């Protein structure tokens, strides 16, 4: 675990499977489908006190597939952010990639969303950043930028990606608890 985290650090979070429950083989297309995972709101409240910036980076190809409009996705994100704020947390910015093409610059594992965050918040230092994700693309994304990588929720990773993971946790809450202990 990193012992040197201070308020100059940035936390990058994936959305589906990290903040909210994933829908099996489907997308979150309506606010009624969005369910926070246990203790996520408490976790973000803890992160609030430890990190200078908290950024969400999420692949949302459902827009490119015309399953949801950007307006509807933003409505889901606004509702999510409002609840986080009501529980004492904050999200400094949320970025999403709507492209269908896996090779598109904005889609994780590519680094476009992080580069946008750096443009919006020049103080972000990727070597003082953590990514928390539940897929290989999240880990590859973070490792490509020199971030500290946290893998949660126990999906399988191929051997190459396993070597890029700095820590494993069962949940965002588990990771938050580890930070409180340091």
C-alpha atoms as a PDB file:
ATOM      1  CA  UNK A   1       0.000   0.000   0.000  1.00  0.00           C
ATOM      2  CA  UNK A   2       1.090   3.519  -0.667  1.00  0.00           C
ATOM      3  CA  UNK A   3       2.020   5.303   2.556  1.00  0.00           C
ATOM      4  CA  UNK A   4       2.603   8.721   1.031  1.00  0.00           C
ATOM      5  CA  UNK A   5      -0.943   9.640  -0.023  1.00  0.00           C
ATOM      6  CA  UNK A   6      -1.711  13.232   0.817  1.00  0.00           C
ATOM      7  CA  UNK A   7      -4.170  15.829  -0.405  1.00  0.00           C
ATOM      8  CA  UNK A   8      -2.158  16.387  -3.607  1.00  0.00           C
ATOM      9  CA  UNK A   9      -3.234  12.959  -4.933  1.00  0.00           C
ATOM     10  CA  UNK A  10      -6.041  12.232  -7.415  1.00  0.00           C
ATOM     11  CA  UNK A  11      -8.423   9.285  -7.282  1.00  0.00           C
ATOM     12  CA  UNK A  12      -9.834   7.919 -10.541  1.00  0.00           C
ATOM     13  CA  UNK A  13     -12.850   5.627 -10.219  1.00  0.00           C
ATOM     14  CA  UNK A  14     -14.568   3.414 -12.741  1.00  0.00           C
ATOM     15  CA  UNK A  15     -18.373   3.494 -12.449  1.00  0.00           C
ATOM     16  CA  UNK A  16     -20.099   0.175 -13.188  1.00  0.00           C
ATOM     17  CA  UNK A  17     -19.035  -2.524 -10.744  1.00  0.00           C
ATOM     18  CA  UNK A  18     -17.138  -0.031  -8.577  1.00  0.00           C
ATOM     19  CA  UNK A  19     -19.720   2.613  -7.655  1.00  0.00           C
ATOM     20  CA  UNK A  20     -22.913   0.881  -8.745  1.00  0.00           C
ATOM     21  CA  UNK A  21     -24.063  -2.662  -9.356  1.00  0.00           C
ATOM     22  CA  UNK A  22     -23.488  -3.877 -12.884  1.00  0.00           C
ATOM     23  CA  UNK A  23     -26.424  -5.237 -14.819  1.00  0.00           C
ATOM     24  CA  UNK A  24     -25.628  -8.708 -16.024  1.00  0.00           C
ATOM     25  CA  UNK A  25     -24.972  -8.547 -19.791  1.00  0.00           C
ATOM     26  CA  UNK A  26     -26.727  -5.197 -20.040  1.00  0.00           C
ATOM     27  CA  UNK A  27     -26.296  -1.451 -19.580  1.00  0.00           C
ATOM     28  CA  UNK A  28     -27.656   0.958 -16.988  1.00  0.00           C
ATOM     29  CA  UNK A  29     -30.138   2.812 -19.181  1.00  0.00           C
ATOM     30  CA  UNK A  30     -32.543   4.230 -16.576  1.00  0.00           C
ATOM     31  CA  UNK A  31     -32.068   5.788 -13.172  1.00  0.00           C
ATOM     32  CA  UNK A  32     -34.257   3.029 -11.710  1.00  0.00           C
ATOM     33  CA  UNK A  33     -31.570   0.519 -12.790  1.00  0.00           C
ATOM     34  CA  UNK A  34     -28.823   2.361 -10.899  1.00  0.00           C
ATOM     35  CA  UNK A  35     -28.049   0.897  -7.465  1.00  0.00           C
ATOM     36  CA  UNK A  36     -25.092   2.023  -5.381  1.00  0.00           C
ATOM     37  CA  UNK A  37     -22.922  -0.824  -4.133  1.00  0.00           C
ATOM     38  CA  UNK A  38     -22.810  -1.218  -0.323  1.00  0.00           C
ATOM     39  CA  UNK A  39     -20.924   1.532   1.528  1.00  0.00           C
ATOM     40  CA  UNK A  40     -19.906   3.355  -1.653  1.00  0.00           C
ATOM     41  CA  UNK A  41     -21.338   6.633  -0.382  1.00  0.00           C
ATOM     42  CA  UNK A  42     -19.397   6.258   2.875  1.00  0.00           C
ATOM     43  CA  UNK A  43     -16.269   5.380   0.905  1.00  0.00           C
ATOM     44  CA  UNK A  44     -16.506   8.488  -1.274  1.00  0.00           C
ATOM     45  CA  UNK A  45     -17.008  10.571   1.857  1.00  0.00           C
ATOM     46  CA  UNK A  46     -13.718   9.154   3.200  1.00  0.00           C
ATOM     47  CA  UNK A  47     -11.956   9.783  -0.127  1.00  0.00           C
ATOM     48  CA  UNK A  48     -13.219  13.366  -0.006  1.00  0.00           C
ATOM     49  CA  UNK A  49     -10.926  14.075   2.917  1.00  0.00           C
ATOM     50  CA  UNK A  50      -7.883  12.309   1.453  1.00  0.00           C
ATOM     51  CA  UNK A  51      -7.775  13.232  -2.255  1.00  0.00           C
ATOM     52  CA  UNK A  52      -7.506  16.599  -3.968  1.00  0.00           C
ATOM     53  CA  UNK A  53      -9.526  15.420  -6.959  1.00  0.00           C
ATOM     54  CA  UNK A  54     -11.981  12.555  -7.401  1.00  0.00           C
ATOM     55  CA  UNK A  55     -12.642  11.736 -11.050  1.00  0.00           C
ATOM     56  CA  UNK A  56     -14.945   9.120 -12.581  1.00  0.00           C
ATOM     57  CA  UNK A  57     -13.882   7.590 -15.913  1.00  0.00           C
ATOM     58  CA  UNK A  58     -16.401   5.256 -17.498  1.00  0.00           C
ATOM     59  CA  UNK A  59     -16.844   3.543 -20.850  1.00  0.00           C
ATOM     60  CA  UNK A  60     -20.464   3.999 -21.960  1.00  0.00           C
ATOM     61  CA  UNK A  61     -20.743   2.507 -25.424  1.00  0.00           C
ATOM     62  CA  UNK A  62     -24.505   2.295 -24.884  1.00  0.00           C
ATOM     63  CA  UNK A  63     -24.622   5.849 -26.313  1.00  0.00           C
ATOM     64  CA  UNK A  64     -22.777   4.819 -29.469  1.00  0.00           C
ATOM     65  CA  UNK A  65     -25.126   1.850 -29.788  1.00  0.00           C
ATOM     66  CA  UNK A  66     -28.104   4.256 -29.604  1.00  0.00           C
ATOM     67  CA  UNK A  67     -29.496   2.500 -26.511  1.00  0.00           C
ATOM     68  CA  UNK A  68     -29.524   5.750 -24.520  1.00  0.00           C
ATOM     69  CA  UNK A  69     -29.073   9.407 -25.336  1.00  0.00           C
ATOM     70  CA  UNK A  70     -26.285  11.510 -23.872  1.00  0.00           C
ATOM     71  CA  UNK A  71     -28.987  13.557 -22.170  1.00  0.00           C
ATOM     72  CA  UNK A  72     -30.376  10.463 -20.393  1.00  0.00           C
ATOM     73  CA  UNK A  73     -26.881   9.319 -19.386  1.00  0.00           C
ATOM     74  CA  UNK A  74     -26.170  12.780 -17.960  1.00  0.00           C
ATOM     75  CA  UNK A  75     -29.440  12.569 -16.030  1.00  0.00           C
ATOM     76  CA  UNK A  76     -28.267   9.296 -14.452  1.00  0.00           C
ATOM     77  CA  UNK A  77     -24.884  10.847 -13.638  1.00  0.00           C
ATOM     78  CA  UNK A  78     -26.478  14.001 -12.201  1.00  0.00           C
ATOM     79  CA  UNK A  79     -28.731  11.905  -9.953  1.00  0.00           C
ATOM     80  CA  UNK A  80     -25.742   9.823  -8.842  1.00  0.00           C
ATOM     81  CA  UNK A  81     -23.659  12.925  -8.099  1.00  0.00           C
ATOM     82  CA  UNK A  82     -26.534  14.611  -6.230  1.00  0.00           C
ATOM     83  CA  UNK A  83     -26.856  11.619  -3.911  1.00  0.00           C
ATOM     84  CA  UNK A  84     -23.079  11.505  -3.375  1.00  0.00           C
ATOM     85  CA  UNK A  85     -23.123  15.198  -2.410  1.00  0.00           C
ATOM     86  CA  UNK A  86     -26.113  14.702  -0.074  1.00  0.00           C
ATOM     87  CA  UNK A  87     -24.071  12.037   1.725  1.00  0.00           C
ATOM     88  CA  UNK A  88     -21.095  14.371   2.204  1.00  0.00           C
ATOM     89  CA  UNK A  89     -19.010  13.243  -0.766  1.00  0.00           C
ATOM     90  CA  UNK A  90     -17.974  14.882  -3.996  1.00  0.00           C
ATOM     91  CA  UNK A  91     -17.044  14.035  -7.547  1.00  0.00           C
ATOM     92  CA  UNK A  92     -14.921  16.720  -9.170  1.00  0.00           C
ATOM     93  CA  UNK A  93     -15.647  15.602 -12.719  1.00  0.00           C
ATOM     94  CA  UNK A  94     -17.045  12.653 -14.618  1.00  0.00           C
ATOM     95  CA  UNK A  95     -15.813  11.621 -18.059  1.00  0.00           C
ATOM     96  CA  UNK A  96     -17.434   9.030 -20.276  1.00  0.00           C
ATOM     97  CA  UNK A  97     -16.487   7.441 -23.574  1.00  0.00           C
ATOM     98  CA  UNK A  98     -19.394   6.798 -25.902  1.00  0.00           C
ATOM     99  CA  UNK A  99     -17.485   5.330 -28.847  1.00  0.00           C
ATOM    100  CA  UNK A 100     -18.239   1.784 -29.973  1.00  0.00           C
ATOM    101  CA  UNK A 101     -14.767   1.185 -31.413  1.00  0.00           C
ATOM    102  CA  UNK A 102     -12.498  -0.390 -28.764  1.00  0.00           C
ATOM    103  CA  UNK A 103      -9.490   1.425 -30.227  1.00  0.00           C
ATOM    104  CA  UNK A 104     -11.026   4.896 -29.874  1.00  0.00           C
ATOM    105  CA  UNK A 105      -8.713   7.251 -27.967  1.00  0.00           C
ATOM    106  CA  UNK A 106     -11.368   8.021 -25.336  1.00  0.00           C
ATOM    107  CA  UNK A 107     -12.255   4.421 -24.471  1.00  0.00           C
ATOM    108  CA  UNK A 108     -10.363   2.712 -21.700  1.00  0.00           C
ATOM    109  CA  UNK A 109      -7.820   1.167 -21.807  1.00  0.00           C
ATOM    110  CA  UNK A 110      -6.807   4.156 -23.933  1.00  0.00           C
ATOM    111  CA  UNK A 111      -5.963   7.271 -21.961  1.00  0.00           C
ATOM    112  CA  UNK A 112      -8.152   9.962 -23.520  1.00  0.00           C
ATOM    113  CA  UNK A 113     -10.373  10.509 -20.487  1.00  0.00           C
ATOM    114  CA  UNK A 114      -7.335  10.926 -18.230  1.00  0.00           C
ATOM    115  CA  UNK A 115      -5.813  13.403 -20.670  1.00  0.00           C
ATOM    116  CA  UNK A 116      -9.055  15.406 -20.610  1.00  0.00           C
ATOM    117  CA  UNK A 117      -8.947  15.386 -16.800  1.00  0.00           C
ATOM    118  CA  UNK A 118      -5.337  16.621 -16.876  1.00  0.00           C
ATOM    119  CA  UNK A 119      -6.360  19.398 -19.278  1.00  0.00           C
ATOM    120  CA  UNK A 120      -9.249  20.407 -16.992  1.00  0.00           C
ATOM    121  CA  UNK A 121      -7.163  20.041 -13.806  1.00  0.00           C
ATOM    122  CA  UNK A 122      -3.493  20.744 -14.647  1.00  0.00           C
ATOM    123  CA  UNK A 123      -2.423  19.932 -11.080  1.00  0.00           C
ATOM    124  CA  UNK A 124      -3.156  16.235 -11.661  1.00  0.00           C
ATOM    125  CA  UNK A 125       0.044  14.215 -11.468  1.00  0.00           C
ATOM    126  CA  UNK A 126      -0.520  10.674 -12.770  1.00  0.00           C
ATOM    127  CA  UNK A 127       2.355   9.384 -10.628  1.00  0.00           C
ATOM    128  CA  UNK A 128       0.331  10.627  -7.639  1.00  0.00           C
ATOM    129  CA  UNK A 129      -2.932   9.093  -8.848  1.00  0.00           C
ATOM    130  CA  UNK A 130      -4.832   5.903  -8.128  1.00  0.00           C
ATOM    131  CA  UNK A 131      -7.290   4.102 -10.394  1.00  0.00           C
ATOM    132  CA  UNK A 132      -9.888   1.813  -8.856  1.00  0.00           C
ATOM    133  CA  UNK A 133     -11.514  -0.502 -11.362  1.00  0.00           C
ATOM    134  CA  UNK A 134     -13.002  -3.931 -11.832  1.00  0.00           C
ATOM    135  CA  UNK A 135     -11.891  -4.786 -15.360  1.00  0.00           C
ATOM    136  CA  UNK A 136      -8.678  -5.343 -17.268  1.00  0.00           C
ATOM    137  CA  UNK A 137      -9.245  -2.133 -19.215  1.00  0.00           C
ATOM    138  CA  UNK A 138      -9.246  -0.106 -15.987  1.00  0.00           C
ATOM    139  CA  UNK A 139      -5.940  -1.597 -14.876  1.00  0.00           C
ATOM    140  CA  UNK A 140      -4.279  -1.175 -18.282  1.00  0.00           C
ATOM    141  CA  UNK A 141      -5.550   2.435 -18.408  1.00  0.00           C
ATOM    142  CA  UNK A 142      -4.002   3.273 -15.045  1.00  0.00           C
ATOM    143  CA  UNK A 143      -0.754   1.402 -15.615  1.00  0.00           C
ATOM    144  CA  UNK A 144      -0.220   3.147 -18.966  1.00  0.00           C
ATOM    145  CA  UNK A 145      -0.210   6.466 -17.110  1.00  0.00           C
ATOM    146  CA  UNK A 146       1.909   5.316 -14.172  1.00  0.00           C
ATOM    147  CA  UNK A 147      -1.008   5.309 -11.728  1.00  0.00           C
ATOM    148  CA  UNK A 148      -1.228   3.053  -8.698  1.00  0.00           C
ATOM    149  CA  UNK A 149      -3.801   0.391  -9.634  1.00  0.00           C
ATOM    150  CA  UNK A 150      -6.497  -1.103  -7.406  1.00  0.00           C
ATOM    151  CA  UNK A 151      -8.513  -4.047  -8.717  1.00  0.00           C
ATOM    152  CA  UNK A 152     -11.807  -4.851  -7.002  1.00  0.00           C
ATOM    153  CA  UNK A 153     -14.661  -7.325  -7.252  1.00  0.00           C
ATOM    154  CA  UNK A 154     -12.561 -10.318  -8.233  1.00  0.00           C
ATOM    155  CA  UNK A 155     -13.192 -10.758 -11.956  1.00  0.00           C
ATOM    156  CA  UNK A 156     -10.499 -12.797 -13.627  1.00  0.00           C
ATOM    157  CA  UNK A 157      -7.501 -11.110 -15.191  1.00  0.00           C
ATOM    158  CA  UNK A 158      -5.045 -12.537 -17.663  1.00  0.00           C
ATOM    159  CA  UNK A 159      -1.494 -13.049 -16.396  1.00  0.00           C
ATOM    160  CA  UNK A 160      -0.091  -9.980 -18.110  1.00  0.00           C
ATOM    161  CA  UNK A 161      -2.696  -7.677 -16.549  1.00  0.00           C
ATOM    162  CA  UNK A 162      -2.325  -9.326 -13.115  1.00  0.00           C
ATOM    163  CA  UNK A 163       1.261  -8.118 -13.097  1.00  0.00           C
ATOM    164  CA  UNK A 164      -0.007  -4.521 -13.453  1.00  0.00           C
ATOM    165  CA  UNK A 165      -2.224  -4.643 -10.332  1.00  0.00           C
ATOM    166  CA  UNK A 166      -0.760  -3.017  -7.232  1.00  0.00           C
ATOM    167  CA  UNK A 167      -3.556  -4.070  -4.836  1.00  0.00           C
ATOM    168  CA  UNK A 168      -6.650  -6.251  -4.771  1.00  0.00           C
ATOM    169  CA  UNK A 169      -9.755  -5.409  -2.739  1.00  0.00           C
ATOM    170  CA  UNK A 170     -13.230  -6.906  -2.464  1.00  0.00           C
ATOM    171  CA  UNK A 171     -14.944  -3.530  -2.725  1.00  0.00           C
ATOM    172  CA  UNK A 172     -14.485   0.221  -2.722  1.00  0.00           C
ATOM    173  CA  UNK A 173     -15.311   0.106   0.999  1.00  0.00           C
ATOM    174  CA  UNK A 174     -12.470  -2.349   1.629  1.00  0.00           C
ATOM    175  CA  UNK A 175     -10.042   0.010  -0.109  1.00  0.00           C
ATOM    176  CA  UNK A 176     -11.370   3.025   1.835  1.00  0.00           C
ATOM    177  CA  UNK A 177     -10.925   1.159   5.118  1.00  0.00           C
ATOM    178  CA  UNK A 178      -7.306   0.388   4.215  1.00  0.00           C
ATOM    179  CA  UNK A 179      -6.655   4.106   3.708  1.00  0.00           C
ATOM    180  CA  UNK A 180      -8.095   4.925   7.124  1.00  0.00           C
ATOM    181  CA  UNK A 181      -5.680   2.508   8.787  1.00  0.00           C
ATOM    182  CA  UNK A 182      -2.529   4.050   7.265  1.00  0.00           C
END
